[in-house]
C-alpha atoms as a PDB file:
ATOM      1  CA  MET A   1     -41.591  47.648 -47.680  1.00  0.00           C
ATOM      2  CA  PRO A   2     -41.036  45.716 -51.147  1.00  0.00           C
ATOM      3  CA  LYS A   3     -37.310  45.031 -51.918  1.00  0.00           C
ATOM      4  CA  SER A   4     -37.490  47.255 -55.254  1.00  0.00           C
ATOM      5  CA  ILE A   5     -38.290  50.151 -53.450  1.00  0.00           C
ATOM      6  CA  ILE A   6     -35.492  49.725 -50.813  1.00  0.00           C
ATOM      7  CA  ASN A   7     -33.047  49.053 -53.818  1.00  0.00           C
ATOM      8  CA  ASN A   8     -34.166  52.394 -55.528  1.00  0.00           C
ATOM      9  CA  TYR A   9     -33.623  54.245 -52.317  1.00  0.00           C
ATOM     10  CA  ILE A  10     -30.191  52.882 -51.909  1.00  0.00           C
ATOM     11  CA  ARG A  11     -29.357  53.353 -55.461  1.00  0.00           C
ATOM     12  CA  ILE A  12     -30.526  57.234 -55.280  1.00  0.00           C
ATOM     13  CA  ASN A  13     -28.669  57.894 -52.072  1.00  0.00           C
ATOM     14  CA  LYS A  14     -25.634  56.506 -53.607  1.00  0.00           C
ATOM     15  CA  MET A  15     -25.813  58.881 -56.444  1.00  0.00           C
ATOM     16  CA  THR A  16     -26.401  61.819 -54.463  1.00  0.00           C
ATOM     17  CA  ALA A  17     -23.210  60.919 -52.445  1.00  0.00           C
ATOM     18  CA  PHE A  18     -21.029  61.510 -55.394  1.00  0.00           C
ATOM     19  CA  MET A  19     -22.773  64.587 -56.968  1.00  0.00           C
ATOM     20  CA  LYS A  20     -20.554  67.616 -57.849  1.00  0.00           C
ATOM     21  CA  TYR A  21     -21.725  70.863 -57.460  1.00  0.00           C
ATOM     22  CA  ALA A  22     -21.309  74.012 -59.921  1.00  0.00           C
ATOM     23  CA  THR A  23     -18.396  76.061 -59.034  1.00  0.00           C
ATOM     24  CA  THR A  24     -17.893  79.751 -59.732  1.00  0.00           C
ATOM     25  CA  LEU A  25     -15.213  81.249 -61.913  1.00  0.00           C
ATOM     26  CA  ASP A  26     -13.385  82.357 -58.766  1.00  0.00           C
ATOM     27  CA  GLU A  27     -13.558  78.782 -57.344  1.00  0.00           C
ATOM     28  CA  GLN A  28     -12.416  77.363 -60.843  1.00  0.00           C
ATOM     29  CA  VAL A  29      -9.529  79.757 -60.519  1.00  0.00           C
ATOM     30  CA  GLU A  30      -8.708  79.024 -57.040  1.00  0.00           C
ATOM     31  CA  ILE A  31      -8.789  75.246 -57.842  1.00  0.00           C
ATOM     32  CA  LEU A  32      -6.265  75.505 -60.731  1.00  0.00           C
ATOM     33  CA  LYS A  33      -4.086  77.445 -58.551  1.00  0.00           C
ATOM     34  CA  ASN A  34      -3.976  74.866 -55.669  1.00  0.00           C
ATOM     35  CA  ARG A  35      -3.121  72.512 -58.266  1.00  0.00           C
ATOM     36  CA  GLY A  36      -0.003  74.152 -59.257  1.00  0.00           C
ATOM     37  CA  LEU A  37      -0.882  76.282 -62.223  1.00  0.00           C
ATOM     38  CA  VAL A  38       0.788  79.675 -62.510  1.00  0.00           C
ATOM     39  CA  ILE A  39      -1.919  82.470 -62.749  1.00  0.00           C
ATOM     40  CA  ASN A  40      -0.810  85.834 -62.802  1.00  0.00           C
ATOM     41  CA  ASP A  41      -3.935  87.537 -63.987  1.00  0.00           C
ATOM     42  CA  GLU A  42      -7.077  86.286 -62.481  1.00  0.00           C
ATOM     43  CA  ASP A  43      -9.398  88.429 -64.928  1.00  0.00           C
ATOM     44  CA  LYS A  44      -7.541  86.946 -67.875  1.00  0.00           C
ATOM     45  CA  ALA A  45      -7.786  83.273 -66.439  1.00  0.00           C
ATOM     46  CA  LYS A  46     -11.721  83.878 -65.930  1.00  0.00           C
ATOM     47  CA  GLU A  47     -11.789  84.866 -69.718  1.00  0.00           C
ATOM     48  CA  VAL A  48      -9.964  81.867 -70.654  1.00  0.00           C
ATOM     49  CA  LEU A  49     -12.172  79.602 -68.548  1.00  0.00           C
ATOM     50  CA  ILE A  50     -15.314  81.242 -70.123  1.00  0.00           C
ATOM     51  CA  ASP A  51     -13.886  80.860 -73.771  1.00  0.00           C
ATOM     52  CA  ILE A  52     -12.658  77.196 -73.306  1.00  0.00           C
ATOM     53  CA  GLY A  53     -14.459  75.934 -70.377  1.00  0.00           C
ATOM     54  CA  TYR A  54     -13.290  74.369 -67.149  1.00  0.00           C
ATOM     55  CA  TYR A  55     -13.320  70.762 -67.951  1.00  0.00           C
ATOM     56  CA  ARG A  56     -12.066  71.228 -71.552  1.00  0.00           C
ATOM     57  CA  PHE A  57      -9.111  73.323 -70.210  1.00  0.00           C
ATOM     58  CA  GLY A  58      -8.372  70.617 -67.581  1.00  0.00           C
ATOM     59  CA  ALA A  59      -7.970  67.980 -70.441  1.00  0.00           C
ATOM     60  CA  TYR A  60      -5.120  70.033 -71.995  1.00  0.00           C
ATOM     61  CA  LEU A  61      -3.069  70.089 -68.666  1.00  0.00           C
ATOM     62  CA  PHE A  62      -2.913  66.199 -68.677  1.00  0.00           C
ATOM     63  CA  PRO A  63       0.270  66.095 -70.534  1.00  0.00           C
ATOM     64  CA  PHE A  64       1.686  68.525 -67.827  1.00  0.00           C
ATOM     65  CA  GLU A  65       0.738  66.396 -64.722  1.00  0.00           C
ATOM     66  CA  LYS A  66       3.254  65.441 -62.152  1.00  0.00           C
ATOM     67  CA  LYS A  67       2.666  61.689 -61.249  1.00  0.00           C
ATOM     68  CA  TYR A  68       2.657  60.457 -57.710  1.00  0.00           C
ATOM     69  CA  PRO A  69       2.901  56.598 -58.308  1.00  0.00           C
ATOM     70  CA  MET A  70       3.967  55.643 -54.773  1.00  0.00           C
ATOM     71  CA  ASP A  71       2.273  58.259 -52.651  1.00  0.00           C
ATOM     72  CA  ARG A  72      -1.493  57.180 -52.354  1.00  0.00           C
ATOM     73  CA  TYR A  73      -2.324  60.282 -50.327  1.00  0.00           C
ATOM     74  CA  ALA A  74      -0.839  62.756 -52.943  1.00  0.00           C
ATOM     75  CA  PRO A  75      -3.066  65.078 -54.825  1.00  0.00           C
ATOM     76  CA  ALA A  76      -5.037  63.493 -57.687  1.00  0.00           C
ATOM     77  CA  TRP A  77      -2.906  65.551 -59.857  1.00  0.00           C
ATOM     78  CA  LYS A  78      -0.403  68.743 -59.898  1.00  0.00           C
ATOM     79  CA  THR A  79       0.843  70.476 -62.702  1.00  0.00           C
ATOM     80  CA  ILE A  80       4.383  71.348 -63.364  1.00  0.00           C
ATOM     81  CA  GLU A  81       5.197  74.550 -61.516  1.00  0.00           C
ATOM     82  CA  SER A  82       6.363  76.660 -64.415  1.00  0.00           C
ATOM     83  CA  MET A  83       3.058  76.036 -66.339  1.00  0.00           C
ATOM     84  CA  THR A  84       1.151  78.994 -66.858  1.00  0.00           C
ATOM     85  CA  ILE A  85      -2.501  79.339 -68.062  1.00  0.00           C
ATOM     86  CA  GLY A  86      -1.197  81.376 -71.116  1.00  0.00           C
ATOM     87  CA  ASN A  87       0.905  78.345 -72.091  1.00  0.00           C
ATOM     88  CA  ILE A  88      -2.227  76.119 -72.019  1.00  0.00           C
ATOM     89  CA  ARG A  89      -4.029  78.825 -73.875  1.00  0.00           C
ATOM     90  CA  ALA A  90      -1.508  78.965 -76.637  1.00  0.00           C
ATOM     91  CA  LEU A  91      -1.561  75.207 -76.803  1.00  0.00           C
ATOM     92  CA  TYR A  92      -5.198  74.999 -77.214  1.00  0.00           C
ATOM     93  CA  ASN A  93      -5.133  77.784 -80.001  1.00  0.00           C
ATOM     94  CA  ASN A  94      -2.368  75.929 -81.785  1.00  0.00           C
ATOM     95  CA  LEU A  95      -4.186  72.634 -81.806  1.00  0.00           C
ATOM     96  CA  LYS A  96      -7.100  74.474 -83.552  1.00  0.00           C
ATOM     97  CA  LYS A  97      -5.040  75.294 -86.518  1.00  0.00           C
ATOM     98  CA  PRO A  98      -5.909  73.079 -89.719  1.00  0.00           C
ATOM     99  CA  ASP A  99      -2.305  72.660 -90.497  1.00  0.00           C
ATOM    100  CA  VAL A 100      -1.467  71.307 -87.074  1.00  0.00           C
ATOM    101  CA  GLN A 101      -4.556  69.022 -87.176  1.00  0.00           C
ATOM    102  CA  ALA A 102      -3.425  67.547 -90.600  1.00  0.00           C
ATOM    103  CA  ASP A 103       0.002  66.939 -89.269  1.00  0.00           C
ATOM    104  CA  ILE A 104      -1.337  65.210 -86.287  1.00  0.00           C
ATOM    105  CA  ALA A 105      -3.930  63.158 -88.572  1.00  0.00           C
ATOM    106  CA  GLN A 106      -0.965  62.217 -90.852  1.00  0.00           C
ATOM    107  CA  HIS A 107       1.356  61.018 -88.033  1.00  0.00           C
ATOM    108  CA  TYR A 108      -1.183  58.847 -86.598  1.00  0.00           C
ATOM    109  CA  GLY A 109      -2.418  57.644 -90.107  1.00  0.00           C
ATOM    110  CA  VAL A 110      -6.137  58.779 -89.736  1.00  0.00           C
ATOM    111  CA  ALA A 111      -8.101  60.870 -92.142  1.00  0.00           C
ATOM    112  CA  LYS A 112      -8.652  64.368 -91.223  1.00  0.00           C
ATOM    113  CA  ILE A 113     -12.222  64.894 -90.155  1.00  0.00           C
END
């Protein structure tokens, strides 16, 4: 077998080993709960995830992560226990306001887009 075919086979198999599969809204809510986010109303949480999107929503959780620098077997991230999905939704909505965006742009010395 030519070397290029073997290399392609290895490359393709490595890519499939790290494939992520789509998750349902129920699974996404469960993942967020397991990571420490307080969710009192699962239907409302699903609405938020439909509106914002799971990955964009996750980006707003970064400032509220607990860090585990010394424990290599700790979860990748866990949120502060008192953080709710409503808190993150409010943060998301506030950051969309033009006056808040202008303040942030001015603080960092960049032109507002």
